Amino acid sequence: MTVYEASTWVIPVIIAITFHEAAHGFVALLFGDGTAWRLGRVSFNPLKHIDLFGTILMPALLLLLRSPFLFGYAKPVPVNYKALRNPRRNMVWVAAAGPSMNLALATLAALTFHLVAYLPVTANQWVAQNLKNALIINVLLAVFNMMPLPPLDGGRVAVGCFPISLPRRSPG
């Protein structure tokens, strides 16, 4: 992979994970939990969200091993669900904030494609590739994160939407 190719993937990935995690913290703050805010995690600074192993080492290792898939993760934003005004309902909104941000970023990338033609020829290919990759990455992150499996965001949404008595029922 060339530096050019890497830049068209790394930039959209960093933006996607940074905005995803910041969205969780911002929505938690809106609903009464200032934990992430106090820790400086409601931020668009990627350094606040990068996990050494999950964001850098694991994806790099998978690339070196020529893995057919790439996987990684960011540092999760700390949320104290008990501090939310309505923990059960607000937990759903906090969990859905990250994937919703990814869908918003994917939509923005798609809408921005028509502006590429107005860029200088030397830049339009690179910008178009970044936008295409941003669209792919953000849709994949949103869909993957909304799978109803803990600890993914979709698992938290599912738990918040289940009737309270459902998790307490014993099998059989």
Protein backbone atom coordinates (compact mmCIF):
# COMPACT_ATOMS: atom_id res chain seq x y z
CA MET A 1 0.00 0.00 0.00
CA THR A 2 1.39 3.39 -0.96
CA VAL A 3 1.35 6.51 1.21
CA TYR A 4 -1.28 7.92 -1.15
CA GLU A 5 -3.54 4.89 -0.70
CA ALA A 6 -2.98 4.81 3.06
CA SER A 7 -3.93 8.49 3.36
CA THR A 8 -7.24 7.85 1.62
CA TRP A 9 -8.12 5.25 4.26
CA VAL A 10 -6.47 6.57 7.43
CA ILE A 11 -8.05 10.04 7.29
CA PRO A 12 -11.65 8.77 6.93
CA VAL A 13 -11.09 6.11 9.63
CA ILE A 14 -9.71 8.63 12.13
CA ILE A 15 -12.57 11.04 11.47
CA ALA A 16 -15.16 8.24 11.72
CA ILE A 17 -13.96 6.87 15.06
CA THR A 18 -13.28 10.30 16.56
CA PHE A 19 -16.72 11.68 15.72
CA HIS A 20 -18.40 8.38 16.72
CA GLU A 21 -16.88 8.43 20.21
CA ALA A 22 -17.35 12.19 20.69
CA ALA A 23 -21.05 11.77 19.82
CA HIS A 24 -21.50 9.23 22.64
CA GLY A 25 -19.94 11.65 25.12
CA PHE A 26 -21.89 14.66 23.87
CA VAL A 27 -25.26 12.90 24.06
CA ALA A 28 -24.40 11.55 27.54
CA LEU A 29 -23.66 15.14 28.59
CA LEU A 30 -27.00 16.31 27.16
CA PHE A 31 -28.78 13.69 29.28
CA GLY A 32 -26.97 14.54 32.51
CA ASP A 33 -23.74 12.51 32.61
CA GLY A 34 -20.67 14.76 32.53
CA THR A 35 -18.14 11.92 33.01
CA ALA A 36 -16.74 12.04 29.47
CA TRP A 37 -16.78 15.86 29.50
CA ARG A 38 -14.75 16.03 32.74
CA LEU A 39 -12.22 13.56 31.27
CA GLY A 40 -11.85 15.60 28.07
CA ARG A 41 -13.37 12.85 25.92
CA VAL A 42 -16.10 14.98 24.33
CA SER A 43 -13.55 16.07 21.78
CA PHE A 44 -12.80 15.97 18.07
CA ASN A 45 -9.12 15.46 18.93
CA PRO A 46 -8.33 11.95 17.63
CA LEU A 47 -5.58 11.47 20.22
CA LYS A 48 -8.26 11.38 22.94
CA HIS A 49 -9.94 8.36 21.30
CA ILE A 50 -7.06 6.32 19.86
CA ASP A 51 -6.32 3.08 21.66
CA LEU A 52 -2.71 1.97 21.13
CA PHE A 53 -3.60 -1.68 20.63
CA GLY A 54 -7.10 -1.47 19.10
CA THR A 55 -6.57 1.49 16.78
CA ILE A 56 -2.93 1.11 15.77
CA LEU A 57 -1.28 -2.23 16.59
CA MET A 58 -4.10 -4.68 15.76
CA PRO A 59 -4.99 -3.13 12.36
CA ALA A 60 -1.28 -2.85 11.51
CA LEU A 61 -0.72 -6.49 12.40
CA LEU A 62 -3.71 -7.57 10.30
CA LEU A 63 -2.35 -5.54 7.37
CA LEU A 64 1.11 -7.08 7.75
CA LEU A 65 -0.40 -10.57 7.84
CA ARG A 66 -2.40 -9.71 4.69
CA SER A 67 -5.62 -10.53 6.49
CA PRO A 68 -8.73 -10.63 4.27
CA PHE A 69 -10.44 -8.34 6.80
CA LEU A 70 -9.39 -5.41 8.93
CA PHE A 71 -10.60 -4.79 12.46
CA GLY A 72 -9.90 -2.24 15.14
CA TYR A 73 -11.52 -0.14 17.81
CA ALA A 74 -11.19 3.12 19.68
CA LYS A 75 -11.15 3.79 23.41
CA PRO A 76 -14.79 3.70 24.49
CA VAL A 77 -16.10 6.94 25.95
CA PRO A 78 -16.86 6.45 29.66
CA VAL A 79 -20.54 6.80 30.45
CA ASN A 80 -22.01 6.55 33.94
CA TYR A 81 -25.52 5.40 33.08
CA LYS A 82 -26.69 5.96 36.67
CA ALA A 83 -25.93 9.68 36.23
CA LEU A 84 -28.33 9.97 33.28
CA ARG A 85 -31.68 11.59 34.10
CA ASN A 86 -33.59 8.55 32.82
CA PRO A 87 -30.93 5.81 32.68
CA ARG A 88 -32.91 3.18 30.77
CA ARG A 89 -34.26 5.47 28.04
CA ASN A 90 -31.21 7.76 27.83
CA MET A 91 -28.87 4.74 27.54
CA VAL A 92 -30.55 3.97 24.20
CA TRP A 93 -29.91 7.51 22.94
CA VAL A 94 -26.28 7.53 24.11
CA ALA A 95 -25.60 4.16 22.48
CA ALA A 96 -27.32 5.16 19.22
CA ALA A 97 -25.40 8.46 19.02
CA GLY A 98 -22.18 6.91 17.67
CA PRO A 99 -23.76 4.93 14.81
CA SER A 100 -26.04 7.88 14.05
CA MET A 101 -22.98 10.11 13.73
CA ASN A 102 -21.44 7.56 11.34
CA LEU A 103 -24.60 7.64 9.18
CA ALA A 104 -24.51 11.46 9.22
CA LEU A 105 -20.84 11.41 8.12
CA ALA A 106 -21.64 8.89 5.36
CA THR A 107 -24.48 11.12 4.14
CA LEU A 108 -22.20 14.18 4.22
CA ALA A 109 -19.54 12.30 2.21
CA ALA A 110 -22.14 11.24 -0.38
CA LEU A 111 -23.54 14.77 -0.68
CA THR A 112 -20.06 16.25 -1.03
CA PHE A 113 -19.16 14.08 -4.06
CA HIS A 114 -20.67 16.57 -6.51
CA LEU A 115 -18.25 19.27 -5.31
CA VAL A 116 -15.19 17.23 -6.32
CA ALA A 117 -15.55 18.38 -9.94
CA TYR A 118 -14.84 21.96 -8.83
CA LEU A 119 -11.46 21.05 -7.31
CA PRO A 120 -8.14 21.31 -9.15
CA VAL A 121 -7.33 18.20 -11.17
CA THR A 122 -4.38 17.45 -8.90
CA ALA A 123 -6.64 17.17 -5.85
CA ASN A 124 -9.97 15.84 -7.10
CA GLN A 125 -8.93 12.15 -7.38
CA TRP A 126 -7.55 12.12 -3.84
CA VAL A 127 -10.58 13.90 -2.38
CA ALA A 128 -12.98 11.63 -4.31
CA GLN A 129 -11.19 8.53 -2.95
CA ASN A 130 -11.35 9.93 0.60
CA LEU A 131 -15.07 10.60 0.24
CA LYS A 132 -15.72 7.14 -1.20
CA ASN A 133 -13.77 5.51 1.64
CA ALA A 134 -15.51 7.72 4.21
CA LEU A 135 -18.87 6.57 2.87
CA ILE A 136 -17.85 2.89 3.06
CA ILE A 137 -16.20 3.11 6.48
CA ASN A 138 -19.01 5.06 8.12
CA VAL A 139 -21.78 2.81 6.82
CA LEU A 140 -19.84 -0.31 7.88
CA LEU A 141 -19.16 1.15 11.35
CA ALA A 142 -22.81 2.09 11.83
CA VAL A 143 -24.12 -1.31 10.70
CA PHE A 144 -21.50 -3.30 12.64
CA ASN A 145 -21.99 -1.27 15.83
CA MET A 146 -25.77 -1.66 15.69
CA MET A 147 -25.60 -5.45 15.80
CA PRO A 148 -27.59 -6.35 18.94
CA LEU A 149 -24.65 -7.90 20.77
CA PRO A 150 -23.09 -6.51 23.93
CA PRO A 151 -20.73 -4.65 24.21
CA LEU A 152 -21.60 -3.14 20.81
CA ASP A 153 -23.88 -0.09 20.70
CA GLY A 154 -26.69 -2.20 19.26
CA GLY A 155 -26.51 -4.46 22.32
CA ARG A 156 -27.06 -1.45 24.58
CA VAL A 157 -29.94 -0.25 22.40
CA ALA A 158 -31.55 -3.72 22.50
CA VAL A 159 -31.22 -3.99 26.28
CA GLY A 160 -32.76 -0.54 26.70
CA CYS A 161 -35.68 -1.47 24.45
CA PHE A 162 -36.45 -4.86 26.06
CA PRO A 163 -39.22 -4.98 28.64
CA ILE A 164 -37.68 -4.74 32.11
CA SER A 165 -39.03 -8.18 33.09
CA LEU A 166 -37.49 -9.97 30.06
CA PRO A 167 -33.87 -10.19 31.28
CA ARG A 168 -35.07 -11.44 34.70
CA ARG A 169 -37.01 -14.42 33.37
CA SER A 170 -35.36 -17.75 33.97
CA PRO A 171 -35.16 -20.23 31.09
CA GLY A 172 -37.65 -23.10 31.01
